[in-house]
N, C-alpha and C. Protein backbone atom coordinates (compact mmCIF):
# COMPACT_ATOMS: atom_id res chain seq x y z
N MET A 1 -14.47 -5.11 1.69
CA MET A 1 -14.09 -4.67 0.35
C MET A 1 -12.83 -5.44 -0.07
N PRO A 2 -12.84 -6.02 -1.24
CA PRO A 2 -11.64 -6.75 -1.68
C PRO A 2 -10.51 -5.79 -2.03
N THR A 3 -9.32 -6.37 -2.23
CA THR A 3 -8.21 -5.53 -2.68
C THR A 3 -8.55 -4.96 -4.05
N ILE A 4 -7.95 -3.83 -4.38
CA ILE A 4 -8.30 -3.09 -5.60
C ILE A 4 -7.07 -2.98 -6.49
N LYS A 5 -7.17 -3.47 -7.72
CA LYS A 5 -6.06 -3.34 -8.67
C LYS A 5 -6.08 -1.95 -9.28
N LEU A 6 -4.90 -1.35 -9.37
CA LEU A 6 -4.78 -0.01 -9.95
C LEU A 6 -3.89 -0.02 -11.18
N ASN A 7 -4.32 0.72 -12.21
CA ASN A 7 -3.40 0.98 -13.31
C ASN A 7 -2.71 2.32 -13.03
N THR A 8 -1.86 2.74 -13.94
CA THR A 8 -1.07 3.96 -13.71
C THR A 8 -1.95 5.18 -13.49
N GLU A 9 -2.96 5.36 -14.33
CA GLU A 9 -3.82 6.54 -14.19
C GLU A 9 -4.59 6.52 -12.86
N GLU A 10 -5.10 5.36 -12.48
CA GLU A 10 -5.83 5.24 -11.21
C GLU A 10 -4.89 5.49 -10.03
N PHE A 11 -3.65 5.02 -10.14
CA PHE A 11 -2.66 5.25 -9.09
C PHE A 11 -2.44 6.75 -8.89
N LYS A 12 -2.27 7.47 -10.01
CA LYS A 12 -2.03 8.91 -9.91
C LYS A 12 -3.24 9.64 -9.34
N GLU A 13 -4.42 9.14 -9.60
CA GLU A 13 -5.64 9.77 -9.11
C GLU A 13 -5.89 9.45 -7.62
N LYS A 14 -5.70 8.20 -7.23
CA LYS A 14 -6.09 7.76 -5.88
C LYS A 14 -4.95 7.77 -4.87
N VAL A 15 -3.70 7.66 -5.34
CA VAL A 15 -2.59 7.50 -4.40
C VAL A 15 -1.62 8.67 -4.45
N PHE A 16 -1.00 8.89 -5.61
CA PHE A 16 -0.01 9.95 -5.70
C PHE A 16 0.20 10.34 -7.16
N ASP A 17 -0.05 11.61 -7.46
CA ASP A 17 0.14 12.12 -8.82
C ASP A 17 1.59 12.58 -8.96
N TYR A 18 2.47 11.62 -9.20
CA TYR A 18 3.91 11.91 -9.23
C TYR A 18 4.32 12.78 -10.41
N GLU A 19 3.45 12.95 -11.40
CA GLU A 19 3.80 13.82 -12.52
C GLU A 19 3.60 15.29 -12.18
N ASN A 20 2.67 15.58 -11.28
CA ASN A 20 2.34 16.98 -10.98
C ASN A 20 2.71 17.42 -9.56
N GLU A 21 3.05 16.49 -8.70
CA GLU A 21 3.40 16.83 -7.31
C GLU A 21 4.89 16.57 -7.09
N LYS A 22 5.57 17.53 -6.48
CA LYS A 22 6.98 17.31 -6.15
C LYS A 22 7.13 16.64 -4.79
N GLU A 23 6.29 17.03 -3.86
CA GLU A 23 6.32 16.46 -2.51
C GLU A 23 5.23 15.39 -2.39
N TRP A 24 5.48 14.41 -1.54
CA TRP A 24 4.49 13.35 -1.31
C TRP A 24 3.17 13.97 -0.85
N LYS A 25 2.09 13.56 -1.49
CA LYS A 25 0.77 14.07 -1.13
C LYS A 25 -0.24 12.97 -1.44
N TYR A 26 -0.80 12.38 -0.40
CA TYR A 26 -1.77 11.30 -0.55
C TYR A 26 -3.17 11.87 -0.40
N PRO A 27 -4.02 11.80 -1.45
CA PRO A 27 -5.34 12.41 -1.40
C PRO A 27 -6.42 11.55 -0.74
N GLY A 28 -6.08 10.33 -0.36
CA GLY A 28 -7.08 9.41 0.17
C GLY A 28 -7.62 9.80 1.53
N GLU A 29 -8.79 9.27 1.85
CA GLU A 29 -9.42 9.54 3.15
C GLU A 29 -9.20 8.40 4.14
N LEU A 30 -8.62 7.30 3.67
CA LEU A 30 -8.28 6.17 4.54
C LEU A 30 -6.80 5.83 4.31
N PRO A 31 -6.11 5.35 5.35
CA PRO A 31 -4.75 4.88 5.12
C PRO A 31 -4.78 3.74 4.10
N ALA A 32 -3.64 3.47 3.48
CA ALA A 32 -3.62 2.46 2.42
C ALA A 32 -2.34 1.65 2.44
N ILE A 33 -2.44 0.48 1.84
CA ILE A 33 -1.27 -0.35 1.55
C ILE A 33 -1.29 -0.59 0.05
N ILE A 34 -0.13 -0.40 -0.58
CA ILE A 34 0.01 -0.72 -1.99
C ILE A 34 0.86 -1.98 -2.08
N ASP A 35 0.34 -2.99 -2.74
CA ASP A 35 1.06 -4.24 -2.96
C ASP A 35 1.62 -4.20 -4.38
N PHE A 36 2.95 -4.05 -4.50
CA PHE A 36 3.59 -4.15 -5.80
C PHE A 36 3.90 -5.62 -6.02
N TYR A 37 3.28 -6.23 -7.04
CA TYR A 37 3.36 -7.67 -7.24
C TYR A 37 3.46 -8.00 -8.73
N ALA A 38 3.62 -9.30 -9.03
CA ALA A 38 3.50 -9.81 -10.40
C ALA A 38 2.82 -11.16 -10.31
N ASP A 39 2.09 -11.51 -11.36
CA ASP A 39 1.34 -12.76 -11.36
C ASP A 39 2.23 -14.00 -11.26
N TRP A 40 3.46 -13.92 -11.75
CA TRP A 40 4.36 -15.08 -11.75
C TRP A 40 5.13 -15.24 -10.44
N CYS A 41 5.00 -14.31 -9.54
CA CYS A 41 5.81 -14.27 -8.30
C CYS A 41 5.22 -15.18 -7.22
N GLY A 42 5.98 -16.19 -6.80
CA GLY A 42 5.52 -17.13 -5.78
C GLY A 42 5.18 -16.47 -4.45
N PRO A 43 6.11 -15.69 -3.87
CA PRO A 43 5.80 -15.03 -2.60
C PRO A 43 4.59 -14.10 -2.70
N CYS A 44 4.41 -13.47 -3.87
CA CYS A 44 3.24 -12.59 -4.07
C CYS A 44 1.95 -13.40 -3.96
N LYS A 45 1.96 -14.60 -4.54
CA LYS A 45 0.79 -15.47 -4.48
C LYS A 45 0.51 -15.92 -3.05
N MET A 46 1.57 -16.12 -2.26
CA MET A 46 1.38 -16.52 -0.86
C MET A 46 0.75 -15.40 -0.04
N VAL A 47 1.11 -14.17 -0.34
CA VAL A 47 0.63 -13.01 0.42
C VAL A 47 -0.79 -12.58 0.00
N ALA A 48 -1.15 -12.85 -1.25
CA ALA A 48 -2.44 -12.38 -1.78
C ALA A 48 -3.64 -12.73 -0.90
N PRO A 49 -3.80 -14.00 -0.45
CA PRO A 49 -4.97 -14.30 0.38
C PRO A 49 -4.94 -13.58 1.73
N ILE A 50 -3.75 -13.33 2.26
CA ILE A 50 -3.62 -12.59 3.53
C ILE A 50 -4.14 -11.17 3.33
N LEU A 51 -3.75 -10.54 2.21
CA LEU A 51 -4.20 -9.18 1.93
C LEU A 51 -5.71 -9.12 1.73
N GLU A 52 -6.27 -10.16 1.09
CA GLU A 52 -7.73 -10.20 0.91
C GLU A 52 -8.41 -10.26 2.28
N GLU A 53 -7.90 -11.12 3.18
CA GLU A 53 -8.49 -11.22 4.53
C GLU A 53 -8.39 -9.89 5.25
N LEU A 54 -7.23 -9.26 5.19
CA LEU A 54 -7.04 -7.97 5.88
C LEU A 54 -7.95 -6.89 5.29
N SER A 55 -8.16 -6.93 3.98
CA SER A 55 -9.02 -5.91 3.36
C SER A 55 -10.45 -6.02 3.89
N HIS A 56 -10.88 -7.23 4.23
CA HIS A 56 -12.22 -7.40 4.81
C HIS A 56 -12.21 -7.07 6.30
N GLU A 57 -11.16 -7.49 7.02
CA GLU A 57 -11.08 -7.20 8.46
C GLU A 57 -11.04 -5.70 8.75
N TYR A 58 -10.35 -4.96 7.90
CA TYR A 58 -10.18 -3.52 8.14
C TYR A 58 -11.07 -2.69 7.21
N GLU A 59 -12.12 -3.29 6.69
CA GLU A 59 -13.01 -2.58 5.77
C GLU A 59 -13.53 -1.30 6.40
N GLY A 60 -13.48 -0.21 5.64
CA GLY A 60 -13.94 1.08 6.15
C GLY A 60 -12.88 1.84 6.92
N ARG A 61 -11.73 1.18 7.21
CA ARG A 61 -10.65 1.83 7.96
C ARG A 61 -9.33 1.85 7.20
N LEU A 62 -9.24 1.02 6.14
CA LEU A 62 -7.98 0.86 5.42
C LEU A 62 -8.28 0.39 4.00
N LEU A 63 -7.51 0.88 3.03
CA LEU A 63 -7.62 0.42 1.64
C LEU A 63 -6.38 -0.39 1.28
N ILE A 64 -6.57 -1.45 0.52
CA ILE A 64 -5.44 -2.23 0.03
C ILE A 64 -5.52 -2.27 -1.48
N TYR A 65 -4.51 -1.66 -2.09
CA TYR A 65 -4.41 -1.60 -3.54
C TYR A 65 -3.32 -2.55 -4.03
N LYS A 66 -3.46 -3.01 -5.27
CA LYS A 66 -2.46 -3.87 -5.89
C LYS A 66 -2.01 -3.24 -7.20
N VAL A 67 -0.68 -3.23 -7.42
CA VAL A 67 -0.12 -2.70 -8.66
C VAL A 67 0.73 -3.81 -9.28
N ASP A 68 0.34 -4.24 -10.48
CA ASP A 68 1.07 -5.27 -11.22
C ASP A 68 2.30 -4.62 -11.83
N THR A 69 3.48 -4.99 -11.34
CA THR A 69 4.71 -4.32 -11.79
C THR A 69 5.06 -4.64 -13.24
N ASP A 70 4.54 -5.74 -13.77
CA ASP A 70 4.77 -6.04 -15.19
C ASP A 70 3.96 -5.12 -16.09
N LYS A 71 2.72 -4.85 -15.68
CA LYS A 71 1.83 -4.01 -16.50
C LYS A 71 2.03 -2.52 -16.24
N GLU A 72 2.38 -2.18 -15.02
CA GLU A 72 2.49 -0.76 -14.62
C GLU A 72 3.95 -0.44 -14.28
N GLN A 73 4.81 -0.60 -15.28
CA GLN A 73 6.25 -0.42 -15.05
C GLN A 73 6.62 1.01 -14.67
N GLU A 74 5.86 1.97 -15.15
CA GLU A 74 6.14 3.38 -14.82
C GLU A 74 6.01 3.62 -13.32
N VAL A 75 4.91 3.13 -12.74
CA VAL A 75 4.69 3.31 -11.29
C VAL A 75 5.78 2.60 -10.51
N ALA A 76 6.10 1.37 -10.91
CA ALA A 76 7.15 0.62 -10.22
C ALA A 76 8.48 1.36 -10.28
N ALA A 77 8.78 1.96 -11.42
CA ALA A 77 10.04 2.70 -11.57
C ALA A 77 10.08 3.94 -10.69
N VAL A 78 8.95 4.65 -10.59
CA VAL A 78 8.89 5.86 -9.76
C VAL A 78 9.26 5.54 -8.31
N PHE A 79 8.83 4.38 -7.83
CA PHE A 79 9.10 3.99 -6.45
C PHE A 79 10.34 3.11 -6.31
N GLY A 80 11.05 2.90 -7.41
CA GLY A 80 12.30 2.14 -7.37
C GLY A 80 12.11 0.71 -6.90
N ILE A 81 11.04 0.08 -7.32
CA ILE A 81 10.77 -1.29 -6.90
C ILE A 81 11.81 -2.21 -7.52
N GLN A 82 12.60 -2.87 -6.67
CA GLN A 82 13.66 -3.77 -7.12
C GLN A 82 13.28 -5.23 -6.97
N SER A 83 12.46 -5.52 -5.96
CA SER A 83 12.05 -6.91 -5.73
C SER A 83 10.57 -6.91 -5.38
N ILE A 84 9.95 -8.05 -5.63
CA ILE A 84 8.52 -8.15 -5.31
C ILE A 84 8.31 -9.41 -4.47
N PRO A 85 7.33 -9.39 -3.60
CA PRO A 85 6.45 -8.25 -3.35
C PRO A 85 7.17 -7.15 -2.56
N THR A 86 6.75 -5.93 -2.82
CA THR A 86 7.16 -4.78 -2.03
C THR A 86 5.87 -4.04 -1.67
N PHE A 87 5.82 -3.55 -0.45
CA PHE A 87 4.61 -2.89 0.03
C PHE A 87 4.89 -1.44 0.39
N LEU A 88 3.96 -0.58 0.00
CA LEU A 88 4.01 0.83 0.36
C LEU A 88 2.91 1.05 1.38
N PHE A 89 3.30 1.37 2.61
CA PHE A 89 2.35 1.62 3.69
C PHE A 89 2.15 3.13 3.79
N ILE A 90 0.89 3.56 3.61
CA ILE A 90 0.60 4.99 3.52
C ILE A 90 -0.30 5.44 4.66
N PRO A 91 0.25 6.22 5.61
CA PRO A 91 -0.59 6.78 6.67
C PRO A 91 -1.35 7.99 6.15
N LEU A 92 -2.32 8.44 6.91
CA LEU A 92 -3.05 9.66 6.53
C LEU A 92 -2.24 10.89 6.91
N GLY A 93 -2.70 12.02 6.41
CA GLY A 93 -2.08 13.29 6.79
C GLY A 93 -0.70 13.45 6.17
N ASN A 94 0.18 14.07 6.91
CA ASN A 94 1.51 14.38 6.39
C ASN A 94 2.53 13.27 6.61
N GLY A 95 2.07 12.14 7.16
CA GLY A 95 3.00 11.05 7.42
C GLY A 95 3.63 10.54 6.13
N GLN A 96 4.90 10.25 6.19
CA GLN A 96 5.60 9.73 5.01
C GLN A 96 5.31 8.24 4.85
N PRO A 97 5.17 7.81 3.60
CA PRO A 97 4.93 6.39 3.35
C PRO A 97 6.19 5.58 3.65
N MET A 98 5.97 4.31 3.99
CA MET A 98 7.09 3.40 4.24
C MET A 98 7.09 2.34 3.14
N LEU A 99 8.23 2.14 2.50
CA LEU A 99 8.38 1.13 1.47
C LEU A 99 9.12 -0.06 2.06
N GLU A 100 8.48 -1.21 2.07
CA GLU A 100 9.07 -2.40 2.68
C GLU A 100 9.00 -3.58 1.73
N PRO A 101 10.17 -4.12 1.31
CA PRO A 101 10.15 -5.32 0.46
C PRO A 101 9.97 -6.57 1.30
N GLY A 102 9.41 -7.60 0.69
CA GLY A 102 9.31 -8.90 1.36
C GLY A 102 7.89 -9.35 1.57
N ALA A 103 7.73 -10.67 1.67
CA ALA A 103 6.42 -11.27 1.96
C ALA A 103 6.32 -11.44 3.46
N PHE A 104 5.32 -10.82 4.07
CA PHE A 104 5.18 -10.85 5.52
C PHE A 104 4.06 -11.78 5.94
N PRO A 105 4.19 -12.39 7.13
CA PRO A 105 3.05 -13.14 7.66
C PRO A 105 1.97 -12.15 8.13
N LYS A 106 0.78 -12.66 8.30
CA LYS A 106 -0.38 -11.81 8.63
C LYS A 106 -0.15 -10.97 9.88
N HIS A 107 0.47 -11.56 10.92
CA HIS A 107 0.65 -10.80 12.17
C HIS A 107 1.56 -9.59 11.98
N VAL A 108 2.49 -9.65 11.04
CA VAL A 108 3.37 -8.50 10.78
C VAL A 108 2.58 -7.39 10.09
N PHE A 109 1.76 -7.77 9.10
CA PHE A 109 0.89 -6.76 8.47
C PHE A 109 0.01 -6.10 9.52
N ARG A 110 -0.58 -6.91 10.41
CA ARG A 110 -1.45 -6.36 11.46
C ARG A 110 -0.71 -5.37 12.34
N GLU A 111 0.52 -5.72 12.74
CA GLU A 111 1.33 -4.83 13.58
C GLU A 111 1.54 -3.49 12.88
N ILE A 112 1.94 -3.53 11.62
CA ILE A 112 2.20 -2.29 10.87
C ILE A 112 0.90 -1.49 10.73
N ILE A 113 -0.19 -2.18 10.41
CA ILE A 113 -1.48 -1.50 10.26
C ILE A 113 -1.87 -0.82 11.56
N GLU A 114 -1.80 -1.55 12.67
CA GLU A 114 -2.23 -1.00 13.97
C GLU A 114 -1.29 0.10 14.47
N GLU A 115 0.02 -0.11 14.33
CA GLU A 115 0.99 0.83 14.93
C GLU A 115 1.33 2.01 14.04
N GLU A 116 1.28 1.82 12.72
CA GLU A 116 1.71 2.89 11.82
C GLU A 116 0.56 3.56 11.07
N LEU A 117 -0.44 2.77 10.67
CA LEU A 117 -1.49 3.32 9.81
C LEU A 117 -2.74 3.74 10.57
N LEU A 118 -3.09 3.00 11.62
CA LEU A 118 -4.33 3.30 12.34
C LEU A 118 -4.07 3.85 13.73
N LYS A 119 -2.83 4.26 14.00
CA LYS A 119 -2.54 4.75 15.35
C LYS A 119 -3.44 5.93 15.67
N GLU A 120 -3.87 5.95 16.89
CA GLU A 120 -4.84 6.96 17.32
C GLU A 120 -4.17 8.32 17.47
N LYS A 121 -4.99 9.34 17.49
CA LYS A 121 -4.50 10.71 17.63
C LYS A 121 -3.92 10.97 19.02
N LYS A 122 -4.13 10.04 19.95
CA LYS A 122 -3.66 10.26 21.32
C LYS A 122 -2.17 10.52 21.39
N ASP A 123 -1.40 10.02 20.39
CA ASP A 123 0.03 10.24 20.37
C ASP A 123 0.36 11.73 20.42
N GLU A 124 -0.46 12.56 19.79
CA GLU A 124 -0.18 13.98 19.71
C GLU A 124 -0.33 14.71 21.04
N SER A 125 -1.12 14.14 21.96
CA SER A 125 -1.37 14.84 23.22
C SER A 125 -0.36 14.49 24.30
N LEU A 126 0.60 13.64 24.01
CA LEU A 126 1.59 13.26 25.03
C LEU A 126 2.59 14.35 25.29
């Protein structure tokens, strides 16, 4: 599945309805990464093909969404996006999302995906 572009309404429906929820609440059934980007941003363009590859590699286990900060300024403001690209890594359940600015190489995305987003339930039984 390719990366999915979200507008403000889709973001509130699929990721977080910040107008009606006070506490973080992610309604999705798969962990997700949100790429806050802009079309004119060089580092964003460098990361885009990496995210496309990861979206196919982790198909069925992870969603990768893209939010254009120029078009969706409200969403960017809610998350205090100061620089792009910035990524919001969203685990399932009650886990808090992690906001990380910067363009990462593929192996760093993989590490975060494996260790933070797809970590097995075995952690709970230790």
